[in-house]
Amino acid sequence: MTQAHCGPVGPNTELNIDRCSSPSKTEVVAVVGKGGVGKTTTVAVMAKLLAATGPPPLVVDADPPVSLAYALGVNPSRTIAGLRRKMIEDPDEKRKIGDKHIRDVIVEEALIDLNGMPLLILGCAEGPGCFCGINELLKFGIQSLSNRFKVTLVDCEAGLEQINRLVINKISKLLMVSDATMKGIRTAAYLNNIAKEYGVQEPCKIGLIINRIKEDPGQLAETAQSMGLDIVGFIPEDNNITEFDLVGRPTVGLPDHSPSVMAVRRILRTLGLSN
């Protein structure tokens, strides 16, 4: 991966946001999809490819199970949830933070360096169903950091709650990932309608990625289009992913010639995110 255009991030380094170059055009790409369709794997491959060909993206794991962190080969020891707990429960941490801007606190205490690619992880809630506080911190983190990166990739919760509640706003692209089943396409159509009605506004592009294609997707594609879905790409079934998952290898290590990696590369080009 290439080095971050504004310097490394990590426990012993500090990302000076004020010195980061602000791209003339920024993209915030939110990826959603029901559990098990390959949403997180798709985001991990996107991050891998973008980091290899240009300025690394800001990557956000906004799904509480932190699957994206593992797909990127990261032990999620620093999270937004952990930062919030320290701020609330640890008097020493409160004194250390003092009058610091919360943006700088997020950078210093929650942002992880992955070979120059910044990674922000939501983490687990303080208690069952309690995500309001950490979602607010996540929202501020994305808002304050995304304008310094050409692309921000967000692996969202399975539904659209974070988007509808404006936890993730100013989205330029909303991508729905579905498996190659009619049930998955219907779920994508439902999410598409909800997004348009309640959460996402023009000029945001909403697109569908159909994953794990085993045969000609013609019928599925026709059905998806008849439901008002804009297909931006297909990803074939990839035995390499199956093998990686079986032994617990990070998705980011997939070889460039893997069918899924080549398909995601084409999708990034279709979306104008890569050359």
Protein backbone atom coordinates (compact mmCIF):
# COMPACT_ATOMS: atom_id res chain seq x y z
CA MET A 1 0.00 0.00 0.00
CA THR A 2 1.13 3.56 -0.61
CA GLN A 3 1.70 5.86 2.33
CA ALA A 4 -1.07 8.18 3.46
CA HIS A 5 -0.96 11.59 1.85
CA CYS A 6 -1.02 13.29 5.24
CA GLY A 7 1.25 11.05 7.25
CA PRO A 8 0.89 7.90 9.30
CA VAL A 9 -1.57 7.40 12.11
CA GLY A 10 -1.12 5.22 15.14
CA PRO A 11 -0.52 4.99 18.87
CA ASN A 12 2.87 6.67 18.63
CA THR A 13 2.22 9.09 15.81
CA GLU A 14 -0.16 11.95 15.28
CA LEU A 15 -2.10 12.82 12.17
CA ASN A 16 -2.09 16.60 11.84
CA ILE A 17 -5.40 17.18 10.13
CA ASP A 18 -4.66 20.85 9.60
CA ARG A 19 -1.66 19.94 7.45
CA CYS A 20 -3.51 17.39 5.34
CA SER A 21 -4.21 18.46 1.80
CA SER A 22 -7.91 18.89 1.06
CA PRO A 23 -8.81 17.23 -2.27
CA SER A 24 -10.78 19.35 -4.71
CA LYS A 25 -13.41 16.61 -4.79
CA THR A 26 -14.20 14.19 -1.97
CA GLU A 27 -16.34 11.06 -2.04
CA VAL A 28 -18.14 9.49 0.91
CA VAL A 29 -19.13 5.97 -0.10
CA ALA A 30 -21.50 4.12 2.25
CA VAL A 31 -21.98 0.39 1.73
CA VAL A 32 -25.02 -1.46 3.09
CA GLY A 33 -26.56 -4.90 2.74
CA LYS A 34 -28.18 -7.61 4.82
CA GLY A 35 -25.94 -9.88 6.85
CA GLY A 36 -23.98 -12.53 5.00
CA VAL A 37 -24.10 -11.07 1.47
CA GLY A 38 -20.42 -10.06 1.37
CA LYS A 39 -20.76 -6.37 2.19
CA THR A 40 -17.70 -6.22 4.41
CA THR A 41 -15.58 -8.28 2.05
CA THR A 42 -16.47 -5.88 -0.76
CA VAL A 43 -15.45 -2.85 1.31
CA ALA A 44 -12.17 -4.52 2.30
CA VAL A 45 -11.28 -5.21 -1.34
CA MET A 46 -12.21 -1.63 -2.30
CA ALA A 47 -9.91 -0.31 0.42
CA LYS A 48 -7.10 -2.62 -0.73
CA LEU A 49 -7.36 -1.43 -4.34
CA LEU A 50 -7.72 2.28 -3.58
CA ALA A 51 -4.74 2.23 -1.22
CA ALA A 52 -2.63 0.46 -3.85
CA THR A 53 -3.34 2.90 -6.67
CA GLY A 54 -3.61 6.33 -5.09
CA PRO A 55 -4.00 8.25 -1.84
CA PRO A 56 -5.30 5.76 0.73
CA PRO A 57 -8.95 6.19 1.66
CA LEU A 58 -10.28 6.89 5.12
CA VAL A 59 -11.93 3.58 6.04
CA VAL A 60 -14.73 3.45 8.61
CA ASP A 61 -15.98 0.26 10.22
CA ALA A 62 -19.40 1.45 11.36
CA ASP A 63 -20.79 -2.06 11.92
CA PRO A 64 -20.63 -3.04 15.63
CA PRO A 65 -19.33 -6.62 15.00
CA VAL A 66 -16.09 -4.97 13.68
CA SER A 67 -15.88 -7.50 10.83
CA LEU A 68 -14.16 -4.99 8.55
CA ALA A 69 -11.31 -4.56 11.00
CA TYR A 70 -10.66 -8.31 10.92
CA ALA A 71 -11.01 -8.38 7.11
CA LEU A 72 -8.26 -5.75 6.99
CA GLY A 73 -6.07 -7.73 9.37
CA VAL A 74 -6.48 -5.39 12.34
CA ASN A 75 -7.03 -6.25 15.98
CA PRO A 76 -9.58 -3.58 16.94
CA SER A 77 -7.92 -2.39 20.13
CA ARG A 78 -8.78 1.29 19.48
CA THR A 79 -12.43 2.13 18.84
CA ILE A 80 -14.86 5.03 19.11
CA ALA A 81 -16.74 3.06 21.77
CA GLY A 82 -13.57 2.54 23.78
CA LEU A 83 -12.69 6.22 23.54
CA ARG A 84 -16.12 7.21 24.79
CA ARG A 85 -15.86 4.83 27.74
CA LYS A 86 -12.51 6.31 28.70
CA MET A 87 -13.86 9.85 28.41
CA ILE A 88 -16.80 9.00 30.69
CA GLU A 89 -15.25 6.62 33.21
CA ASP A 90 -11.55 7.52 33.49
CA PRO A 91 -10.72 10.74 35.41
CA ASP A 92 -7.12 10.65 34.20
CA GLU A 93 -8.31 10.43 30.60
CA LYS A 94 -10.61 13.40 31.14
CA ARG A 95 -7.70 15.46 32.46
CA LYS A 96 -5.45 14.37 29.61
CA ILE A 97 -8.01 15.42 27.04
CA GLY A 98 -8.52 18.76 28.76
CA ASP A 99 -9.40 21.47 26.24
CA LYS A 100 -8.41 19.49 23.17
CA HIS A 101 -10.71 19.65 20.18
CA ILE A 102 -12.75 16.43 20.03
CA ARG A 103 -11.59 15.93 16.43
CA ASP A 104 -7.99 15.81 17.61
CA VAL A 105 -8.93 13.44 20.41
CA ILE A 106 -10.53 11.07 17.90
CA VAL A 107 -7.43 11.20 15.72
CA GLU A 108 -5.05 10.58 18.62
CA GLU A 109 -7.08 8.00 20.54
CA ALA A 110 -9.26 6.13 18.04
CA LEU A 111 -7.75 6.30 14.56
CA ILE A 112 -5.67 3.26 13.57
CA ASP A 113 -2.83 3.22 11.04
CA LEU A 114 -2.93 0.32 8.59
CA ASN A 115 0.26 0.78 6.57
CA GLY A 116 -0.65 4.41 6.01
CA MET A 117 -4.39 3.82 5.57
CA PRO A 118 -6.44 5.39 8.39
CA LEU A 119 -9.10 3.18 9.92
CA LEU A 120 -11.85 4.36 12.26
CA ILE A 121 -13.78 1.65 14.13
CA LEU A 122 -17.14 2.13 15.83
CA GLY A 123 -16.89 -0.81 18.25
CA CYS A 124 -19.47 -2.20 20.67
CA ALA A 125 -22.07 -0.26 22.60
CA GLU A 126 -21.87 0.36 26.34
CA GLY A 127 -24.96 -1.76 26.93
CA PRO A 128 -27.63 -3.66 25.00
CA GLY A 129 -29.05 -1.49 22.26
CA CYS A 130 -27.26 1.65 23.42
CA PHE A 131 -25.51 3.22 20.43
CA CYS A 132 -26.59 6.88 20.55
CA GLY A 133 -23.47 8.23 22.22
CA ILE A 134 -20.90 6.39 20.12
CA ASN A 135 -22.87 7.05 16.94
CA GLU A 136 -22.67 10.77 17.70
CA LEU A 137 -18.90 10.50 18.12
CA LEU A 138 -18.69 8.48 14.91
CA LYS A 139 -20.74 11.10 13.09
CA PHE A 140 -18.41 13.85 14.22
CA GLY A 141 -15.35 11.80 13.34
CA ILE A 142 -16.56 11.20 9.78
CA GLN A 143 -17.65 14.80 9.30
CA SER A 144 -14.39 16.25 10.57
CA LEU A 145 -12.04 13.85 8.78
CA SER A 146 -13.67 12.93 5.45
CA ASN A 147 -13.01 16.31 3.83
CA ARG A 148 -9.28 15.57 4.08
CA PHE A 149 -9.47 12.38 2.00
CA LYS A 150 -10.31 11.82 -1.61
CA VAL A 151 -12.43 8.80 -0.70
CA THR A 152 -14.05 7.75 2.57
CA LEU A 153 -15.35 4.18 2.65
CA VAL A 154 -17.96 3.32 5.26
CA ASP A 155 -18.97 -0.25 6.06
CA CYS A 156 -22.43 0.41 7.54
CA GLU A 157 -24.80 -1.61 9.65
CA ALA A 158 -26.95 -4.08 7.75
CA GLY A 159 -29.88 -1.64 7.57
CA LEU A 160 -30.16 2.09 6.96
CA GLU A 161 -30.51 3.30 10.55
CA GLN A 162 -27.18 5.13 10.58
CA ILE A 163 -28.00 6.87 7.32
CA ASN A 164 -31.60 7.71 8.21
CA ARG A 165 -30.44 9.17 11.53
CA LEU A 166 -27.80 11.21 9.67
CA VAL A 167 -24.96 9.48 11.49
CA ILE A 168 -23.43 9.28 8.02
CA ASN A 169 -24.45 12.27 5.96
CA LYS A 170 -23.11 14.04 2.88
CA ILE A 171 -22.99 10.67 1.15
CA SER A 172 -21.97 10.86 -2.48
CA LYS A 173 -22.53 7.17 -3.21
CA LEU A 174 -24.72 4.59 -1.46
CA LEU A 175 -23.91 1.05 -2.56
CA MET A 176 -26.16 -1.87 -1.72
CA VAL A 177 -24.61 -5.34 -1.83
CA SER A 178 -26.86 -8.33 -2.52
CA ASP A 179 -26.13 -11.99 -3.01
CA ALA A 180 -27.28 -13.61 -6.24
CA THR A 181 -30.75 -14.54 -5.00
CA MET A 182 -34.20 -13.16 -5.61
CA LYS A 183 -34.60 -12.63 -1.87
CA GLY A 184 -31.46 -10.53 -1.83
CA ILE A 185 -32.65 -8.43 -4.77
CA ARG A 186 -35.99 -7.79 -3.06
CA THR A 187 -34.18 -6.70 0.10
CA ALA A 188 -32.02 -4.35 -1.97
CA ALA A 189 -35.12 -2.89 -3.60
CA TYR A 190 -36.63 -2.29 -0.17
CA LEU A 191 -33.47 -0.56 1.04
CA ASN A 192 -33.39 1.49 -2.14
CA ASN A 193 -36.93 2.75 -1.61
CA ILE A 194 -36.35 3.52 2.07
CA ALA A 195 -33.13 5.35 1.30
CA LYS A 196 -34.79 7.56 -1.29
CA GLU A 197 -37.81 8.25 0.90
CA TYR A 198 -36.11 8.99 4.21
CA GLY A 199 -32.34 9.20 4.08
CA VAL A 200 -30.48 9.90 0.87
CA GLN A 201 -30.94 12.94 -1.30
CA GLU A 202 -29.67 14.00 -4.70
CA PRO A 203 -27.02 14.17 -6.05
CA CYS A 204 -26.08 10.97 -4.22
CA LYS A 205 -25.79 7.97 -6.54
CA ILE A 206 -27.46 4.78 -5.32
CA GLY A 207 -26.20 1.58 -6.90
CA LEU A 208 -26.49 -2.18 -6.53
CA ILE A 209 -23.64 -4.70 -6.51
CA ILE A 210 -24.69 -8.32 -7.01
CA ASN A 211 -22.22 -10.63 -5.30
CA ARG A 212 -21.36 -14.35 -5.59
CA ILE A 213 -22.50 -14.75 -9.16
CA LYS A 214 -22.25 -18.40 -10.25
CA GLU A 215 -23.94 -18.22 -13.65
CA ASP A 216 -25.35 -15.75 -16.13
CA PRO A 217 -27.02 -13.04 -13.99
CA GLY A 218 -29.32 -11.97 -16.80
CA GLN A 219 -32.62 -12.82 -15.11
CA LEU A 220 -31.55 -11.36 -11.77
CA ALA A 221 -30.33 -8.22 -13.52
CA GLU A 222 -33.62 -7.80 -15.36
CA THR A 223 -35.57 -8.25 -12.13
CA ALA A 224 -33.35 -5.75 -10.31
CA GLN A 225 -33.74 -3.17 -13.04
CA SER A 226 -37.51 -3.67 -13.12
CA MET A 227 -37.51 -2.80 -9.39
CA GLY A 228 -35.75 0.48 -10.08
CA LEU A 229 -32.26 -0.66 -9.08
CA ASP A 230 -29.19 0.68 -10.84
CA ILE A 231 -26.64 -2.14 -11.11
CA VAL A 232 -23.06 -0.90 -10.90
CA GLY A 233 -21.36 -4.28 -11.05
CA PHE A 234 -21.26 -8.02 -10.51
CA ILE A 235 -18.81 -9.99 -8.36
CA PRO A 236 -18.38 -13.69 -9.17
CA GLU A 237 -18.13 -16.50 -6.66
CA ASP A 238 -14.49 -16.56 -5.56
CA ASN A 239 -12.90 -19.72 -4.14
CA ASN A 240 -10.03 -17.65 -2.78
CA ILE A 241 -12.43 -15.86 -0.43
CA THR A 242 -13.82 -19.20 0.74
CA GLU A 243 -10.31 -20.48 1.46
CA PHE A 244 -9.30 -17.26 3.25
CA ASP A 245 -12.42 -17.35 5.42
CA LEU A 246 -11.87 -21.01 6.25
CA VAL A 247 -8.43 -20.39 7.78
CA GLY A 248 -9.10 -16.87 9.06
CA ARG A 249 -6.81 -14.99 6.67
CA PRO A 250 -7.62 -11.27 6.22
CA THR A 251 -9.53 -10.46 3.05
CA VAL A 252 -7.10 -7.65 2.27
CA GLY A 253 -4.50 -10.32 1.44
CA LEU A 254 -6.42 -11.63 -1.57
CA PRO A 255 -4.19 -11.79 -4.66
CA ASP A 256 -4.77 -9.22 -7.38
CA HIS A 257 -5.76 -11.93 -9.88
CA SER A 258 -8.65 -13.17 -7.69
CA PRO A 259 -11.96 -12.94 -9.57
CA SER A 260 -13.51 -10.83 -6.81
CA VAL A 261 -10.62 -8.38 -6.77
CA MET A 262 -10.73 -7.92 -10.54
CA ALA A 263 -14.51 -7.41 -10.40
CA VAL A 264 -14.28 -4.80 -7.63
CA ARG A 265 -11.58 -3.00 -9.63
CA ARG A 266 -14.05 -2.70 -12.51
CA ILE A 267 -16.75 -1.44 -10.13
CA LEU A 268 -14.45 1.28 -8.77
CA ARG A 269 -13.76 2.42 -12.31
CA THR A 270 -17.47 2.40 -13.17
CA LEU A 271 -18.11 4.60 -10.13
CA GLY A 272 -15.32 6.98 -11.07
CA LEU A 273 -13.37 6.21 -7.89
CA SER A 274 -10.34 4.74 -9.65
CA ASN A 275 -8.61 5.01 -13.00
